C-alpha cells in the first residue's frame, strides 16, 4: 500500500497561553475530575481515565445522556 507523501504540511508555532487556552482548560477540568472522583491515579491506567473523561465531555457538550448512549452502543450490531 502506497501513501501520498507529497501533500504533507508541517506547521510550527510558538507556545502561547492564549493559543492553547482551550487545551489548558480541558486539562485542568480532567485533572479536577480525576482527583475528585478517584483521589488521584497512577500512570498505569491514566490514559483509560482520560479517555473516559473525553467521552463524557463529548457527550455532555452535545447534550446526549451518557447512560442512554452506552445502552444504545451495547445493543448496536457489530460491523466487521
N, C-alpha and C. Protein backbone atom coordinates (compact mmCIF):
# COMPACT_ATOMS: atom_id res chain seq x y z
N UNK A 1 0.85 -1.17 0.00
CA UNK A 1 0.00 0.00 0.00
C UNK A 1 0.90 1.24 0.00
N UNK A 2 0.66 2.12 -0.91
CA UNK A 2 1.48 3.31 -1.06
C UNK A 2 0.74 4.53 -0.52
N UNK A 3 1.42 5.34 0.27
CA UNK A 3 0.77 6.53 0.81
C UNK A 3 1.24 7.78 0.07
N UNK A 4 0.41 8.76 0.05
CA UNK A 4 0.71 10.02 -0.63
C UNK A 4 1.44 10.94 0.35
N UNK A 5 2.72 11.15 0.10
CA UNK A 5 3.51 11.99 0.99
C UNK A 5 3.85 13.34 0.38
N UNK A 6 3.28 13.63 -0.77
CA UNK A 6 3.60 14.90 -1.43
C UNK A 6 2.86 16.08 -0.80
N UNK A 7 1.75 15.83 -0.10
CA UNK A 7 0.95 16.91 0.46
C UNK A 7 1.08 17.03 1.97
N UNK A 8 2.20 16.62 2.52
CA UNK A 8 2.39 16.74 3.96
C UNK A 8 2.79 18.17 4.29
N UNK A 9 2.11 18.71 5.28
CA UNK A 9 2.39 20.09 5.70
C UNK A 9 2.73 20.08 7.18
N UNK A 10 3.82 20.72 7.53
CA UNK A 10 4.24 20.80 8.92
C UNK A 10 4.08 22.25 9.37
N UNK A 11 3.33 22.43 10.44
CA UNK A 11 3.09 23.76 10.97
C UNK A 11 3.77 23.85 12.33
N UNK A 12 4.58 24.83 12.50
CA UNK A 12 5.24 25.06 13.79
C UNK A 12 4.81 26.41 14.31
N UNK A 13 4.78 26.53 15.58
CA UNK A 13 4.41 27.79 16.19
C UNK A 13 4.91 27.86 17.61
N UNK A 14 4.97 29.03 18.12
CA UNK A 14 5.43 29.22 19.48
C UNK A 14 4.29 28.94 20.46
N UNK A 15 4.67 28.47 21.63
CA UNK A 15 3.68 28.24 22.69
C UNK A 15 3.23 29.58 23.23
N UNK A 16 1.93 29.79 23.23
CA UNK A 16 1.37 30.96 23.89
C UNK A 16 0.14 30.48 24.67
N UNK A 17 -0.03 30.94 25.89
CA UNK A 17 -1.19 30.51 26.68
C UNK A 17 -2.53 30.79 26.02
N UNK A 18 -2.64 31.91 25.30
CA UNK A 18 -3.93 32.22 24.67
C UNK A 18 -4.22 31.27 23.51
N UNK A 19 -3.19 30.86 22.81
CA UNK A 19 -3.39 29.95 21.69
C UNK A 19 -3.84 28.57 22.15
N UNK A 20 -3.35 28.14 23.28
CA UNK A 20 -3.66 26.81 23.79
C UNK A 20 -4.62 26.84 24.97
N UNK A 21 -5.29 27.95 25.16
CA UNK A 21 -6.20 28.08 26.30
C UNK A 21 -7.25 26.96 26.36
N UNK A 22 -7.93 26.60 25.25
CA UNK A 22 -8.92 25.51 25.35
C UNK A 22 -8.31 24.19 25.82
N UNK A 23 -7.10 23.90 25.39
CA UNK A 23 -6.43 22.67 25.83
C UNK A 23 -6.07 22.74 27.31
N UNK A 24 -5.62 23.90 27.77
CA UNK A 24 -5.29 24.07 29.18
C UNK A 24 -6.53 23.95 30.06
N UNK A 25 -7.64 24.51 29.61
CA UNK A 25 -8.90 24.41 30.36
C UNK A 25 -9.35 22.96 30.44
N UNK A 26 -9.26 22.25 29.31
CA UNK A 26 -9.64 20.83 29.28
C UNK A 26 -8.76 20.01 30.23
N UNK A 27 -7.46 20.25 30.21
CA UNK A 27 -6.54 19.52 31.09
C UNK A 27 -6.83 19.81 32.55
N UNK A 28 -7.16 21.04 32.87
CA UNK A 28 -7.49 21.40 34.25
C UNK A 28 -8.78 20.72 34.70
N UNK A 29 -9.78 20.68 33.82
CA UNK A 29 -11.04 20.01 34.15
C UNK A 29 -10.82 18.51 34.34
N UNK A 30 -10.01 17.91 33.48
CA UNK A 30 -9.72 16.47 33.60
C UNK A 30 -8.99 16.18 34.90
N UNK A 31 -8.04 16.99 35.24
CA UNK A 31 -7.29 16.81 36.49
C UNK A 31 -8.21 16.92 37.70
N UNK A 32 -9.07 17.92 37.68
CA UNK A 32 -10.01 18.11 38.79
C UNK A 32 -10.97 16.92 38.90
N UNK A 33 -11.49 16.43 37.76
CA UNK A 33 -12.41 15.29 37.77
C UNK A 33 -11.72 14.05 38.31
N UNK A 34 -10.50 13.79 37.86
CA UNK A 34 -9.77 12.60 38.31
C UNK A 34 -9.49 12.68 39.80
N UNK A 35 -9.06 13.84 40.28
CA UNK A 35 -8.74 13.98 41.71
C UNK A 35 -9.99 13.92 42.58
N UNK A 36 -11.09 14.52 42.14
CA UNK A 36 -12.31 14.50 42.93
C UNK A 36 -12.99 13.13 42.92
N UNK A 37 -12.91 12.43 41.79
CA UNK A 37 -13.59 11.14 41.66
C UNK A 37 -12.77 10.00 42.23
N UNK A 38 -11.50 9.96 41.90
CA UNK A 38 -10.65 8.82 42.26
C UNK A 38 -9.57 9.17 43.29
N UNK A 39 -9.48 10.43 43.67
CA UNK A 39 -8.46 10.90 44.62
C UNK A 39 -7.05 10.61 44.11
N UNK A 40 -6.88 10.79 42.82
CA UNK A 40 -5.57 10.60 42.19
C UNK A 40 -5.45 9.24 41.54
N UNK A 41 -4.57 9.15 40.56
CA UNK A 41 -4.33 7.91 39.83
C UNK A 41 -2.84 7.77 39.56
N UNK A 42 -2.42 6.55 39.33
CA UNK A 42 -1.06 6.31 38.89
C UNK A 42 -0.98 6.36 37.38
N UNK A 43 0.21 6.33 36.84
CA UNK A 43 0.38 6.45 35.39
C UNK A 43 -0.08 5.23 34.60
N UNK A 44 -0.20 4.07 35.26
CA UNK A 44 -0.53 2.83 34.56
C UNK A 44 -1.87 2.91 33.82
N UNK A 45 -2.90 3.43 34.45
CA UNK A 45 -4.24 3.46 33.86
C UNK A 45 -4.71 4.88 33.52
N UNK A 46 -3.83 5.83 33.60
CA UNK A 46 -4.22 7.23 33.40
C UNK A 46 -4.87 7.45 32.04
N UNK A 47 -4.33 6.85 30.97
CA UNK A 47 -4.88 7.08 29.63
C UNK A 47 -6.33 6.60 29.54
N UNK A 48 -6.65 5.48 30.17
CA UNK A 48 -8.04 4.98 30.15
C UNK A 48 -8.99 5.97 30.81
N UNK A 49 -8.58 6.55 31.92
CA UNK A 49 -9.44 7.51 32.62
C UNK A 49 -9.55 8.82 31.84
N UNK A 50 -8.48 9.22 31.16
CA UNK A 50 -8.56 10.41 30.31
C UNK A 50 -9.48 10.16 29.12
N UNK A 51 -9.46 8.93 28.60
CA UNK A 51 -10.39 8.57 27.53
C UNK A 51 -11.83 8.65 28.01
N UNK A 52 -12.08 8.16 29.22
CA UNK A 52 -13.44 8.23 29.78
C UNK A 52 -13.87 9.68 29.97
N UNK A 53 -12.99 10.50 30.49
CA UNK A 53 -13.31 11.91 30.69
C UNK A 53 -13.65 12.57 29.35
N UNK A 54 -12.86 12.28 28.31
CA UNK A 54 -13.12 12.85 26.99
C UNK A 54 -14.46 12.39 26.44
N UNK A 55 -14.76 11.11 26.63
CA UNK A 55 -16.05 10.55 26.19
C UNK A 55 -17.19 11.28 26.87
N UNK A 56 -17.09 11.46 28.19
CA UNK A 56 -18.14 12.14 28.94
C UNK A 56 -18.28 13.60 28.49
N UNK A 57 -17.16 14.27 28.28
CA UNK A 57 -17.19 15.68 27.86
C UNK A 57 -17.83 15.82 26.48
N UNK A 58 -17.47 14.92 25.57
CA UNK A 58 -18.04 15.00 24.21
C UNK A 58 -19.55 14.81 24.23
N UNK A 59 -20.02 13.82 25.01
CA UNK A 59 -21.46 13.60 25.07
C UNK A 59 -22.18 14.76 25.75
N UNK A 60 -21.62 15.26 26.83
CA UNK A 60 -22.30 16.33 27.55
C UNK A 60 -22.32 17.63 26.72
N UNK A 61 -21.30 17.85 25.90
CA UNK A 61 -21.31 19.05 25.06
C UNK A 61 -22.36 18.96 23.96
N UNK A 62 -22.77 17.73 23.61
CA UNK A 62 -23.81 17.53 22.60
C UNK A 62 -25.17 17.28 23.24
N UNK A 63 -25.27 17.39 24.56
CA UNK A 63 -26.50 17.15 25.33
C UNK A 63 -27.05 15.74 25.09
N UNK A 64 -26.18 14.76 25.04
CA UNK A 64 -26.57 13.35 24.88
C UNK A 64 -26.42 12.68 26.24
N UNK A 65 -27.49 12.05 26.75
CA UNK A 65 -27.37 11.35 28.03
C UNK A 65 -26.39 10.18 27.94
N UNK A 66 -25.47 10.11 28.89
CA UNK A 66 -24.40 9.12 28.84
C UNK A 66 -24.95 7.69 28.93
N UNK A 67 -25.82 7.44 29.91
CA UNK A 67 -26.33 6.08 30.10
C UNK A 67 -27.10 5.60 28.87
N UNK A 68 -27.96 6.45 28.35
CA UNK A 68 -28.74 6.07 27.16
C UNK A 68 -27.82 5.77 25.98
N UNK A 69 -26.76 6.52 25.83
CA UNK A 69 -25.82 6.30 24.74
C UNK A 69 -25.08 4.97 24.92
N UNK A 70 -24.67 4.67 26.14
CA UNK A 70 -24.00 3.40 26.40
C UNK A 70 -24.91 2.21 26.13
N UNK A 71 -26.18 2.31 26.53
CA UNK A 71 -27.14 1.24 26.26
C UNK A 71 -27.32 1.05 24.76
N UNK A 72 -27.42 2.15 24.05
CA UNK A 72 -27.56 2.09 22.60
C UNK A 72 -26.35 1.40 21.97
N UNK A 73 -25.16 1.70 22.44
CA UNK A 73 -23.95 1.06 21.92
C UNK A 73 -23.92 -0.43 22.22
N UNK A 74 -24.44 -0.81 23.37
CA UNK A 74 -24.45 -2.23 23.76
C UNK A 74 -25.35 -3.06 22.85
N UNK A 75 -26.42 -2.48 22.37
CA UNK A 75 -27.38 -3.23 21.57
C UNK A 75 -27.21 -3.00 20.06
N UNK A 76 -26.23 -2.22 19.68
CA UNK A 76 -25.98 -1.96 18.28
C UNK A 76 -25.22 -3.17 17.71
N UNK A 77 -25.64 -3.69 16.55
CA UNK A 77 -24.93 -4.85 15.98
C UNK A 77 -23.51 -4.46 15.56
N UNK A 78 -22.59 -5.36 15.78
CA UNK A 78 -21.19 -5.12 15.44
C UNK A 78 -21.00 -5.26 13.94
N UNK A 79 -20.20 -4.37 13.37
CA UNK A 79 -19.88 -4.43 11.95
C UNK A 79 -18.42 -4.87 11.80
N UNK A 80 -18.23 -5.97 11.16
CA UNK A 80 -16.85 -6.48 10.98
C UNK A 80 -16.47 -6.45 9.54
